[in-house]
Amino acid sequence: MKIRLLYLTLIVISCKKEDKKEVLLADREAPLGWVYLKMYDDKSFEFISQGMMRDKDVYTGSYDLKNDTLYFKYKDSIPKAGSKAVIDNGFIYYLNGDYHESARIKLNKLSIHK
């Protein structure tokens, strides 16, 4: 009986929908694919690079917003776009990567104080 109760509890916990909400969504078409940024109200994010000829690369971590600048702290590896970006005129511009990445903001519920 205890094992069944434990098993049921684990099933309920694993099926529970996460309560985090999207606060910022941005994307852009890349050569043969897309780049997506999804940020959540619990300070987590996903940076996704996906192509037609290659697998999806998902980079996750946490972020901090100071004024109009976003600082991304990645869990594992850092994408070539970098770890620092600014929000300006409906776009996110990455500043410290191997190349200049940008994405158009589709949803923005972040509070930015200038």
N, C-alpha and C. Protein backbone atom coordinates (compact mmCIF):
# COMPACT_ATOMS: atom_id res chain seq x y z
N MET A 1 0.83 -1.19 0.00
CA MET A 1 0.00 0.00 0.00
C MET A 1 0.87 1.25 0.00
N LYS A 2 1.93 1.28 0.81
CA LYS A 2 2.81 2.44 0.87
C LYS A 2 3.50 2.66 -0.47
N ILE A 3 3.87 1.59 -1.14
CA ILE A 3 4.53 1.69 -2.43
C ILE A 3 3.58 2.27 -3.46
N ARG A 4 2.32 1.85 -3.43
CA ARG A 4 1.33 2.39 -4.37
C ARG A 4 1.11 3.88 -4.13
N LEU A 5 1.03 4.28 -2.87
CA LEU A 5 0.85 5.69 -2.54
C LEU A 5 2.06 6.50 -3.00
N LEU A 6 3.24 6.00 -2.77
CA LEU A 6 4.45 6.68 -3.21
C LEU A 6 4.48 6.79 -4.73
N TYR A 7 4.13 5.72 -5.41
CA TYR A 7 4.10 5.70 -6.87
C TYR A 7 3.08 6.72 -7.39
N LEU A 8 1.91 6.78 -6.81
CA LEU A 8 0.88 7.73 -7.20
C LEU A 8 1.35 9.17 -6.97
N THR A 9 1.99 9.40 -5.83
CA THR A 9 2.51 10.73 -5.51
C THR A 9 3.54 11.17 -6.55
N LEU A 10 4.43 10.27 -6.93
CA LEU A 10 5.44 10.59 -7.94
C LEU A 10 4.81 10.90 -9.29
N ILE A 11 3.78 10.19 -9.65
CA ILE A 11 3.09 10.44 -10.91
C ILE A 11 2.44 11.82 -10.89
N VAL A 12 1.79 12.16 -9.80
CA VAL A 12 1.12 13.47 -9.69
C VAL A 12 2.15 14.59 -9.76
N ILE A 13 3.26 14.43 -9.07
CA ILE A 13 4.31 15.46 -9.09
C ILE A 13 4.90 15.61 -10.49
N SER A 14 5.16 14.51 -11.17
CA SER A 14 5.76 14.59 -12.50
C SER A 14 4.80 15.14 -13.53
N CYS A 15 3.52 15.00 -13.33
CA CYS A 15 2.52 15.48 -14.28
C CYS A 15 2.12 16.94 -14.02
N LYS A 16 2.49 17.47 -12.88
CA LYS A 16 2.11 18.83 -12.53
C LYS A 16 2.73 19.81 -13.52
N LYS A 17 1.91 20.68 -14.06
CA LYS A 17 2.38 21.67 -15.02
C LYS A 17 3.17 22.74 -14.27
N GLU A 18 4.28 23.15 -14.88
CA GLU A 18 5.08 24.20 -14.27
C GLU A 18 4.30 25.51 -14.27
N ASP A 19 4.49 26.28 -13.22
CA ASP A 19 3.74 27.51 -13.06
C ASP A 19 4.45 28.74 -13.63
N LYS A 20 5.62 28.55 -14.22
CA LYS A 20 6.33 29.72 -14.72
C LYS A 20 5.66 30.26 -15.97
N LYS A 21 5.73 31.59 -16.10
CA LYS A 21 5.08 32.27 -17.21
C LYS A 21 6.14 32.98 -18.06
N GLU A 22 5.88 33.02 -19.35
CA GLU A 22 6.78 33.72 -20.26
C GLU A 22 6.65 35.22 -20.05
N VAL A 23 7.79 35.91 -19.92
CA VAL A 23 7.78 37.36 -19.78
C VAL A 23 8.43 38.05 -20.97
N LEU A 24 9.21 37.29 -21.75
CA LEU A 24 9.80 37.86 -22.95
C LEU A 24 10.00 36.74 -23.97
N LEU A 25 9.57 37.00 -25.20
CA LEU A 25 9.78 36.08 -26.31
C LEU A 25 10.39 36.87 -27.46
N ALA A 26 11.46 36.35 -28.03
CA ALA A 26 12.10 37.00 -29.18
C ALA A 26 12.59 35.93 -30.13
N ASP A 27 12.64 36.26 -31.41
CA ASP A 27 13.17 35.31 -32.38
C ASP A 27 13.65 36.04 -33.62
N ARG A 28 14.39 35.30 -34.45
CA ARG A 28 14.77 35.80 -35.76
C ARG A 28 15.07 34.61 -36.65
N GLU A 29 14.85 34.82 -37.93
CA GLU A 29 15.21 33.80 -38.89
C GLU A 29 16.71 33.84 -39.09
N ALA A 30 17.34 32.69 -39.03
CA ALA A 30 18.78 32.56 -39.25
C ALA A 30 18.98 31.79 -40.55
N PRO A 31 20.20 31.79 -41.08
CA PRO A 31 20.43 30.99 -42.29
C PRO A 31 20.02 29.53 -42.05
N LEU A 32 19.07 29.07 -42.82
CA LEU A 32 18.56 27.70 -42.72
C LEU A 32 18.02 27.34 -41.35
N GLY A 33 17.41 28.29 -40.66
CA GLY A 33 16.85 27.97 -39.35
C GLY A 33 16.33 29.19 -38.62
N TRP A 34 16.26 29.06 -37.29
CA TRP A 34 15.73 30.11 -36.42
C TRP A 34 16.54 30.21 -35.14
N VAL A 35 16.48 31.39 -34.50
CA VAL A 35 17.02 31.62 -33.17
C VAL A 35 15.85 32.09 -32.32
N TYR A 36 15.68 31.48 -31.14
CA TYR A 36 14.59 31.84 -30.22
C TYR A 36 15.17 32.18 -28.85
N LEU A 37 14.57 33.15 -28.19
CA LEU A 37 14.87 33.44 -26.79
C LEU A 37 13.54 33.43 -26.04
N LYS A 38 13.47 32.60 -25.00
CA LYS A 38 12.30 32.53 -24.14
C LYS A 38 12.75 32.82 -22.71
N MET A 39 12.16 33.85 -22.10
CA MET A 39 12.48 34.21 -20.73
C MET A 39 11.23 34.07 -19.87
N TYR A 40 11.43 33.63 -18.63
CA TYR A 40 10.31 33.32 -17.75
C TYR A 40 10.35 34.16 -16.49
N ASP A 41 9.20 34.23 -15.81
CA ASP A 41 9.08 35.05 -14.60
C ASP A 41 9.88 34.52 -13.41
N ASP A 42 10.39 33.30 -13.48
CA ASP A 42 11.21 32.77 -12.39
C ASP A 42 12.69 33.03 -12.63
N LYS A 43 13.01 33.95 -13.57
CA LYS A 43 14.38 34.35 -13.92
C LYS A 43 15.13 33.27 -14.71
N SER A 44 14.43 32.29 -15.27
CA SER A 44 15.08 31.29 -16.11
C SER A 44 14.87 31.67 -17.58
N PHE A 45 15.67 31.08 -18.45
CA PHE A 45 15.54 31.36 -19.88
C PHE A 45 16.00 30.16 -20.70
N GLU A 46 15.64 30.19 -21.97
CA GLU A 46 16.10 29.23 -22.97
C GLU A 46 16.51 30.02 -24.21
N PHE A 47 17.72 29.79 -24.67
CA PHE A 47 18.20 30.33 -25.94
C PHE A 47 18.29 29.13 -26.87
N ILE A 48 17.53 29.16 -27.96
CA ILE A 48 17.43 28.00 -28.84
C ILE A 48 17.88 28.38 -30.24
N SER A 49 18.81 27.60 -30.75
CA SER A 49 19.27 27.75 -32.13
C SER A 49 18.89 26.48 -32.87
N GLN A 50 18.12 26.62 -33.92
CA GLN A 50 17.56 25.46 -34.60
C GLN A 50 17.67 25.65 -36.11
N GLY A 51 18.06 24.59 -36.79
CA GLY A 51 18.20 24.68 -38.24
C GLY A 51 17.53 23.53 -38.95
N MET A 52 17.33 23.73 -40.25
CA MET A 52 16.72 22.67 -41.06
C MET A 52 17.70 21.52 -41.27
N MET A 53 18.97 21.81 -41.33
CA MET A 53 19.98 20.80 -41.61
C MET A 53 20.73 20.34 -40.36
N ARG A 54 20.33 20.82 -39.18
CA ARG A 54 21.03 20.44 -37.96
C ARG A 54 20.05 20.34 -36.80
N ASP A 55 20.53 19.75 -35.72
CA ASP A 55 19.71 19.57 -34.53
C ASP A 55 19.48 20.89 -33.82
N LYS A 56 18.54 20.87 -32.90
CA LYS A 56 18.24 22.02 -32.08
C LYS A 56 19.24 22.09 -30.93
N ASP A 57 19.89 23.27 -30.75
CA ASP A 57 20.78 23.52 -29.61
C ASP A 57 20.02 24.37 -28.62
N VAL A 58 19.87 23.87 -27.39
CA VAL A 58 19.14 24.59 -26.35
C VAL A 58 20.12 24.94 -25.23
N TYR A 59 20.21 26.23 -24.95
CA TYR A 59 21.06 26.74 -23.88
C TYR A 59 20.13 27.29 -22.80
N THR A 60 20.31 26.86 -21.57
CA THR A 60 19.43 27.28 -20.48
C THR A 60 20.25 27.92 -19.37
N GLY A 61 19.54 28.63 -18.50
CA GLY A 61 20.19 29.25 -17.35
C GLY A 61 19.27 30.25 -16.69
N SER A 62 19.88 31.23 -16.06
CA SER A 62 19.13 32.29 -15.38
C SER A 62 19.60 33.64 -15.93
N TYR A 63 18.77 34.65 -15.72
CA TYR A 63 19.12 35.98 -16.21
C TYR A 63 18.93 37.02 -15.12
N ASP A 64 19.59 38.16 -15.32
CA ASP A 64 19.43 39.30 -14.44
C ASP A 64 19.24 40.52 -15.34
N LEU A 65 18.29 41.36 -15.00
CA LEU A 65 18.00 42.57 -15.77
C LEU A 65 18.42 43.78 -14.95
N LYS A 66 19.30 44.60 -15.52
CA LYS A 66 19.73 45.85 -14.90
C LYS A 66 19.56 46.95 -15.92
N ASN A 67 18.64 47.87 -15.64
CA ASN A 67 18.26 48.92 -16.58
C ASN A 67 17.77 48.26 -17.87
N ASP A 68 18.45 48.49 -18.99
CA ASP A 68 18.03 47.88 -20.25
C ASP A 68 18.97 46.75 -20.67
N THR A 69 19.84 46.29 -19.75
CA THR A 69 20.84 45.28 -20.07
C THR A 69 20.49 43.95 -19.40
N LEU A 70 20.56 42.88 -20.19
CA LEU A 70 20.33 41.53 -19.70
C LEU A 70 21.66 40.81 -19.55
N TYR A 71 21.83 40.14 -18.42
CA TYR A 71 23.02 39.33 -18.15
C TYR A 71 22.55 37.88 -18.03
N PHE A 72 23.04 37.03 -18.91
CA PHE A 72 22.65 35.63 -18.94
C PHE A 72 23.72 34.78 -18.28
N LYS A 73 23.29 33.94 -17.34
CA LYS A 73 24.19 32.98 -16.70
C LYS A 73 23.77 31.60 -17.18
N TYR A 74 24.59 31.01 -18.02
CA TYR A 74 24.26 29.72 -18.63
C TYR A 74 24.62 28.57 -17.71
N LYS A 75 23.84 27.51 -17.75
CA LYS A 75 24.10 26.32 -16.93
C LYS A 75 25.30 25.54 -17.43
N ASP A 76 25.40 25.37 -18.74
CA ASP A 76 26.47 24.57 -19.31
C ASP A 76 27.34 25.45 -20.19
N SER A 77 27.18 25.33 -21.48
CA SER A 77 27.99 26.10 -22.41
C SER A 77 27.30 27.40 -22.79
N ILE A 78 28.10 28.34 -23.29
CA ILE A 78 27.60 29.64 -23.71
C ILE A 78 27.53 29.65 -25.24
N PRO A 79 26.39 30.05 -25.80
CA PRO A 79 26.31 30.09 -27.27
C PRO A 79 27.20 31.22 -27.82
N LYS A 80 27.46 31.15 -29.10
CA LYS A 80 28.33 32.14 -29.73
C LYS A 80 27.73 33.54 -29.71
N ALA A 81 26.43 33.65 -29.42
CA ALA A 81 25.77 34.96 -29.34
C ALA A 81 26.29 35.76 -28.13
N GLY A 82 26.70 35.08 -27.06
CA GLY A 82 27.24 35.76 -25.89
C GLY A 82 26.32 35.71 -24.69
N SER A 83 26.72 36.41 -23.64
CA SER A 83 26.00 36.36 -22.36
C SER A 83 25.50 37.73 -21.89
N LYS A 84 25.60 38.74 -22.75
CA LYS A 84 25.15 40.08 -22.37
C LYS A 84 24.40 40.68 -23.56
N ALA A 85 23.24 41.28 -23.28
CA ALA A 85 22.43 41.86 -24.35
C ALA A 85 21.71 43.10 -23.85
N VAL A 86 21.32 43.95 -24.77
CA VAL A 86 20.51 45.12 -24.44
C VAL A 86 19.18 45.03 -25.17
N ILE A 87 18.18 45.66 -24.58
CA ILE A 87 16.86 45.75 -25.18
C ILE A 87 16.72 47.17 -25.71
N ASP A 88 16.40 47.28 -27.02
CA ASP A 88 16.29 48.60 -27.63
C ASP A 88 15.32 48.55 -28.81
N ASN A 89 14.31 49.41 -28.78
CA ASN A 89 13.36 49.56 -29.89
C ASN A 89 12.79 48.25 -30.40
N GLY A 90 12.35 47.38 -29.49
CA GLY A 90 11.70 46.15 -29.89
C GLY A 90 12.63 45.02 -30.30
N PHE A 91 13.92 45.18 -30.03
CA PHE A 91 14.90 44.15 -30.36
C PHE A 91 15.78 43.86 -29.16
N ILE A 92 16.38 42.68 -29.18
CA ILE A 92 17.44 42.32 -28.24
C ILE A 92 18.71 42.24 -29.05
N TYR A 93 19.74 42.95 -28.61
CA TYR A 93 21.03 42.96 -29.28
C TYR A 93 22.07 42.36 -28.34
N TYR A 94 22.68 41.26 -28.74
CA TYR A 94 23.75 40.64 -27.95
C TYR A 94 25.04 41.42 -28.19
N LEU A 95 25.81 41.62 -27.12
CA LEU A 95 26.96 42.52 -27.18
C LEU A 95 28.32 41.83 -27.16
N ASN A 96 28.45 40.71 -26.49
CA ASN A 96 29.79 40.18 -26.24
C ASN A 96 30.02 38.79 -26.83
N GLY A 97 29.36 38.49 -27.91
CA GLY A 97 29.52 37.18 -28.52
C GLY A 97 30.56 37.17 -29.63
N ASP A 98 30.69 36.03 -30.26
CA ASP A 98 31.61 35.89 -31.38
C ASP A 98 31.09 36.61 -32.62
N TYR A 99 29.81 36.91 -32.66
CA TYR A 99 29.21 37.66 -33.75
C TYR A 99 28.07 38.48 -33.17
N HIS A 100 27.57 39.43 -33.92
CA HIS A 100 26.48 40.30 -33.44
C HIS A 100 25.14 39.63 -33.73
N GLU A 101 24.53 39.15 -32.69
CA GLU A 101 23.22 38.49 -32.79
C GLU A 101 22.15 39.47 -32.36
N SER A 102 20.98 39.37 -32.99
CA SER A 102 19.84 40.18 -32.58
C SER A 102 18.58 39.35 -32.81
N ALA A 103 17.50 39.74 -32.12
CA ALA A 103 16.22 39.06 -32.27
C ALA A 103 15.11 40.07 -32.03
N ARG A 104 14.04 39.94 -32.80
CA ARG A 104 12.88 40.82 -32.65
C ARG A 104 12.03 40.32 -31.49
N ILE A 105 11.65 41.24 -30.61
CA ILE A 105 10.83 40.90 -29.44
C ILE A 105 9.37 40.76 -29.88
N LYS A 106 8.77 39.62 -29.53
CA LYS A 106 7.37 39.34 -29.85
C LYS A 106 6.46 39.59 -28.65
N LEU A 107 7.01 39.39 -27.44
CA LEU A 107 6.27 39.59 -26.19
C LEU A 107 7.25 40.16 -25.17
N ASN A 108 6.86 41.23 -24.49
CA ASN A 108 7.74 41.81 -23.48
C ASN A 108 6.91 42.27 -22.29
N LYS A 109 7.01 41.52 -21.19
CA LYS A 109 6.35 41.90 -19.95
C LYS A 109 7.37 42.21 -18.87
N LEU A 110 8.63 42.45 -19.28
CA LEU A 110 9.67 42.81 -18.32
C LEU A 110 9.50 44.27 -17.92
N SER A 111 9.86 44.59 -16.70
CA SER A 111 9.85 45.97 -16.24
C SER A 111 11.26 46.53 -16.42
N ILE A 112 11.40 47.47 -17.33
CA ILE A 112 12.70 48.07 -17.60
C ILE A 112 12.68 49.50 -17.07
N HIS A 113 13.65 49.78 -16.22
CA HIS A 113 13.76 51.12 -15.62
C HIS A 113 14.99 51.81 -16.16
N LYS A 114 14.79 52.94 -16.82
CA LYS A 114 15.92 53.70 -17.35
C LYS A 114 16.13 54.94 -16.52
